Amino acid sequence: MNTNKIYAESIAKEYAPKDDSKIVALRKLDAKAKMPATVFTYTFGIIASLVAGLGMSLSMQVIGGTTLLTVLGIIIGITGFIGMGVNYPIYKKMLEKGKAKYAYEIVQLAREISEE
């Protein structure tokens, strides 16, 4: 085995011009379709969990200590749990809309790549 030849070919591959611009464009379109749903889901989930934590702290009288704040904490905690519960269905709907928006472009580009 000629290791020098293999090594030279591997270095030459690194410096050779790459013709994968369609693949890069396809990845960017895929990310563009999924990114809004992902960002919303993380943001909404973090906020909902913080709201639930605040409600639990109030209801267990870690913050405050009156009966009114305990009842308010239960209501706030339930609101946070509901927010966490609806987060995934909202994500699925947003992802579906994003994919539908870019579906034609992605399919066309994928066909072009597969035909080459």
C-alpha atoms as a PDB file:
ATOM      1  CA  MET A   1       0.000   0.000   0.000  1.00  0.00           C
ATOM      2  CA  ASN A   2       1.264   3.391  -0.937  1.00  0.00           C
ATOM      3  CA  THR A   3       0.402   5.525   2.084  1.00  0.00           C
ATOM      4  CA  ASN A   4       1.936   8.627   0.522  1.00  0.00           C
ATOM      5  CA  LYS A   5      -0.482   8.418  -2.384  1.00  0.00           C
ATOM      6  CA  ILE A   6      -3.490   8.000  -0.054  1.00  0.00           C
ATOM      7  CA  TYR A   7      -2.329  10.916   2.073  1.00  0.00           C
ATOM      8  CA  ALA A   8      -1.833  13.127  -0.981  1.00  0.00           C
ATOM      9  CA  GLU A   9      -5.309  12.289  -2.295  1.00  0.00           C
ATOM     10  CA  SER A  10      -6.931  13.082   1.043  1.00  0.00           C
ATOM     11  CA  ILE A  11      -5.235  16.487   1.156  1.00  0.00           C
ATOM     12  CA  ALA A  12      -6.180  17.165  -2.463  1.00  0.00           C
ATOM     13  CA  LYS A  13      -9.842  16.468  -1.610  1.00  0.00           C
ATOM     14  CA  GLU A  14      -9.752  19.166   1.051  1.00  0.00           C
ATOM     15  CA  TYR A  15      -8.627  21.813  -1.424  1.00  0.00           C
ATOM     16  CA  ALA A  16     -10.678  20.715  -4.422  1.00  0.00           C
ATOM     17  CA  PRO A  17     -13.694  22.899  -5.249  1.00  0.00           C
ATOM     18  CA  LYS A  18     -16.859  21.427  -3.875  1.00  0.00           C
ATOM     19  CA  ASP A  19     -20.007  21.338  -5.975  1.00  0.00           C
ATOM     20  CA  ASP A  20     -22.553  20.786  -3.236  1.00  0.00           C
ATOM     21  CA  SER A  21     -24.285  24.150  -3.301  1.00  0.00           C
ATOM     22  CA  LYS A  22     -27.638  22.466  -3.894  1.00  0.00           C
ATOM     23  CA  ILE A  23     -27.193  20.317  -0.811  1.00  0.00           C
ATOM     24  CA  VAL A  24     -26.361  23.404   1.242  1.00  0.00           C
ATOM     25  CA  ALA A  25     -29.414  25.194  -0.166  1.00  0.00           C
ATOM     26  CA  LEU A  26     -31.583  22.187   0.703  1.00  0.00           C
ATOM     27  CA  ARG A  27     -30.305  22.151   4.283  1.00  0.00           C
ATOM     28  CA  LYS A  28     -30.930  25.893   4.606  1.00  0.00           C
ATOM     29  CA  LEU A  29     -34.483  25.526   3.314  1.00  0.00           C
ATOM     30  CA  ASP A  30     -35.105  22.669   5.736  1.00  0.00           C
ATOM     31  CA  ALA A  31     -33.800  24.747   8.643  1.00  0.00           C
ATOM     32  CA  LYS A  32     -35.839  27.739   7.478  1.00  0.00           C
ATOM     33  CA  ALA A  33     -38.990  25.613   7.558  1.00  0.00           C
ATOM     34  CA  LYS A  34     -38.330  24.229  11.055  1.00  0.00           C
ATOM     35  CA  MET A  35     -36.692  27.147  12.874  1.00  0.00           C
ATOM     36  CA  PRO A  36     -39.755  29.285  13.783  1.00  0.00           C
ATOM     37  CA  ALA A  37     -41.541  26.336  15.382  1.00  0.00           C
ATOM     38  CA  THR A  38     -38.433  25.334  17.330  1.00  0.00           C
ATOM     39  CA  VAL A  39     -37.716  28.834  18.629  1.00  0.00           C
ATOM     40  CA  PHE A  40     -41.339  29.354  19.664  1.00  0.00           C
ATOM     41  CA  THR A  41     -41.511  25.988  21.400  1.00  0.00           C
ATOM     42  CA  TYR A  42     -38.395  26.545  23.483  1.00  0.00           C
ATOM     43  CA  THR A  43     -39.400  30.082  24.413  1.00  0.00           C
ATOM     44  CA  PHE A  44     -42.998  29.190  25.268  1.00  0.00           C
ATOM     45  CA  GLY A  45     -41.917  26.089  27.191  1.00  0.00           C
ATOM     46  CA  ILE A  46     -39.425  28.004  29.307  1.00  0.00           C
ATOM     47  CA  ILE A  47     -41.954  30.714  30.094  1.00  0.00           C
ATOM     48  CA  ALA A  48     -44.676  28.175  30.932  1.00  0.00           C
ATOM     49  CA  SER A  49     -42.366  26.239  33.250  1.00  0.00           C
ATOM     50  CA  LEU A  50     -41.320  29.449  35.021  1.00  0.00           C
ATOM     51  CA  VAL A  51     -44.981  30.374  35.489  1.00  0.00           C
ATOM     52  CA  ALA A  52     -45.700  26.906  36.894  1.00  0.00           C
ATOM     53  CA  GLY A  53     -42.726  27.224  39.243  1.00  0.00           C
ATOM     54  CA  LEU A  54     -43.927  30.600  40.461  1.00  0.00           C
ATOM     55  CA  GLY A  55     -47.365  29.139  41.084  1.00  0.00           C
ATOM     56  CA  MET A  56     -45.915  26.204  43.009  1.00  0.00           C
ATOM     57  CA  SER A  57     -43.759  28.541  45.099  1.00  0.00           C
ATOM     58  CA  LEU A  58     -46.771  30.673  45.953  1.00  0.00           C
ATOM     59  CA  SER A  59     -49.017  27.701  46.698  1.00  0.00           C
ATOM     60  CA  MET A  60     -46.453  26.069  48.997  1.00  0.00           C
ATOM     61  CA  GLN A  61     -45.964  29.435  50.723  1.00  0.00           C
ATOM     62  CA  VAL A  62     -42.289  29.662  49.864  1.00  0.00           C
ATOM     63  CA  ILE A  63     -43.071  33.141  48.563  1.00  0.00           C
ATOM     64  CA  GLY A  64     -45.699  35.060  50.470  1.00  0.00           C
ATOM     65  CA  GLY A  65     -47.629  33.251  53.134  1.00  0.00           C
ATOM     66  CA  THR A  66     -51.212  34.346  53.059  1.00  0.00           C
ATOM     67  CA  THR A  67     -54.207  32.287  52.024  1.00  0.00           C
ATOM     68  CA  LEU A  68     -54.949  34.647  49.138  1.00  0.00           C
ATOM     69  CA  LEU A  69     -51.452  34.136  47.691  1.00  0.00           C
ATOM     70  CA  THR A  70     -51.809  30.367  48.107  1.00  0.00           C
ATOM     71  CA  VAL A  71     -55.019  30.338  46.070  1.00  0.00           C
ATOM     72  CA  LEU A  72     -53.435  32.679  43.518  1.00  0.00           C
ATOM     73  CA  GLY A  73     -50.424  30.355  43.362  1.00  0.00           C
ATOM     74  CA  ILE A  74     -52.640  27.370  42.602  1.00  0.00           C
ATOM     75  CA  ILE A  75     -54.305  29.271  39.767  1.00  0.00           C
ATOM     76  CA  ILE A  76     -50.966  30.474  38.376  1.00  0.00           C
ATOM     77  CA  GLY A  77     -49.475  26.974  38.663  1.00  0.00           C
ATOM     78  CA  ILE A  78     -52.382  25.397  36.799  1.00  0.00           C
ATOM     79  CA  THR A  79     -52.007  28.036  34.099  1.00  0.00           C
ATOM     80  CA  GLY A  80     -48.317  27.150  33.739  1.00  0.00           C
ATOM     81  CA  PHE A  81     -49.073  23.435  33.550  1.00  0.00           C
ATOM     82  CA  ILE A  82     -51.699  24.040  30.880  1.00  0.00           C
ATOM     83  CA  GLY A  83     -49.119  26.073  28.930  1.00  0.00           C
ATOM     84  CA  MET A  84     -46.654  23.204  29.140  1.00  0.00           C
ATOM     85  CA  GLY A  85     -49.355  20.777  28.084  1.00  0.00           C
ATOM     86  CA  VAL A  86     -50.341  22.655  24.926  1.00  0.00           C
ATOM     87  CA  ASN A  87     -46.758  23.404  23.919  1.00  0.00           C
ATOM     88  CA  TYR A  88     -46.214  20.221  21.890  1.00  0.00           C
ATOM     89  CA  PRO A  89     -49.496  20.404  19.917  1.00  0.00           C
ATOM     90  CA  ILE A  90     -48.708  24.030  19.072  1.00  0.00           C
ATOM     91  CA  TYR A  91     -45.232  22.948  17.939  1.00  0.00           C
ATOM     92  CA  LYS A  92     -46.674  20.252  15.693  1.00  0.00           C
ATOM     93  CA  LYS A  93     -49.094  22.724  14.067  1.00  0.00           C
ATOM     94  CA  MET A  94     -46.383  25.348  13.532  1.00  0.00           C
ATOM     95  CA  LEU A  95     -43.991  22.752  12.103  1.00  0.00           C
ATOM     96  CA  GLU A  96     -46.681  21.485   9.759  1.00  0.00           C
ATOM     97  CA  LYS A  97     -47.323  25.034   8.499  1.00  0.00           C
ATOM     98  CA  GLY A  98     -43.612  25.686   8.027  1.00  0.00           C
ATOM     99  CA  LYS A  99     -43.144  22.470   6.088  1.00  0.00           C
ATOM    100  CA  ALA A 100     -46.186  23.212   3.933  1.00  0.00           C
ATOM    101  CA  LYS A 101     -44.839  26.686   3.188  1.00  0.00           C
ATOM    102  CA  TYR A 102     -41.501  25.427   1.859  1.00  0.00           C
ATOM    103  CA  ALA A 103     -42.566  21.976   0.642  1.00  0.00           C
ATOM    104  CA  TYR A 104     -42.640  22.810  -3.061  1.00  0.00           C
ATOM    105  CA  GLU A 105     -39.163  24.376  -3.076  1.00  0.00           C
ATOM    106  CA  ILE A 106     -37.657  21.563  -1.009  1.00  0.00           C
ATOM    107  CA  VAL A 107     -39.171  18.824  -3.173  1.00  0.00           C
ATOM    108  CA  GLN A 108     -38.022  20.518  -6.400  1.00  0.00           C
ATOM    109  CA  LEU A 109     -34.486  20.950  -5.095  1.00  0.00           C
ATOM    110  CA  ALA A 110     -34.391  17.361  -3.805  1.00  0.00           C
ATOM    111  CA  ARG A 111     -35.494  16.072  -7.212  1.00  0.00           C
ATOM    112  CA  GLU A 112     -32.757  18.098  -8.932  1.00  0.00           C
ATOM    113  CA  ILE A 113     -30.156  16.638  -6.592  1.00  0.00           C
ATOM    114  CA  SER A 114     -31.383  13.075  -6.990  1.00  0.00           C
ATOM    115  CA  GLU A 115     -31.449  13.312 -10.793  1.00  0.00           C
ATOM    116  CA  GLU A 116     -27.798  14.341 -10.990  1.00  0.00           C
END
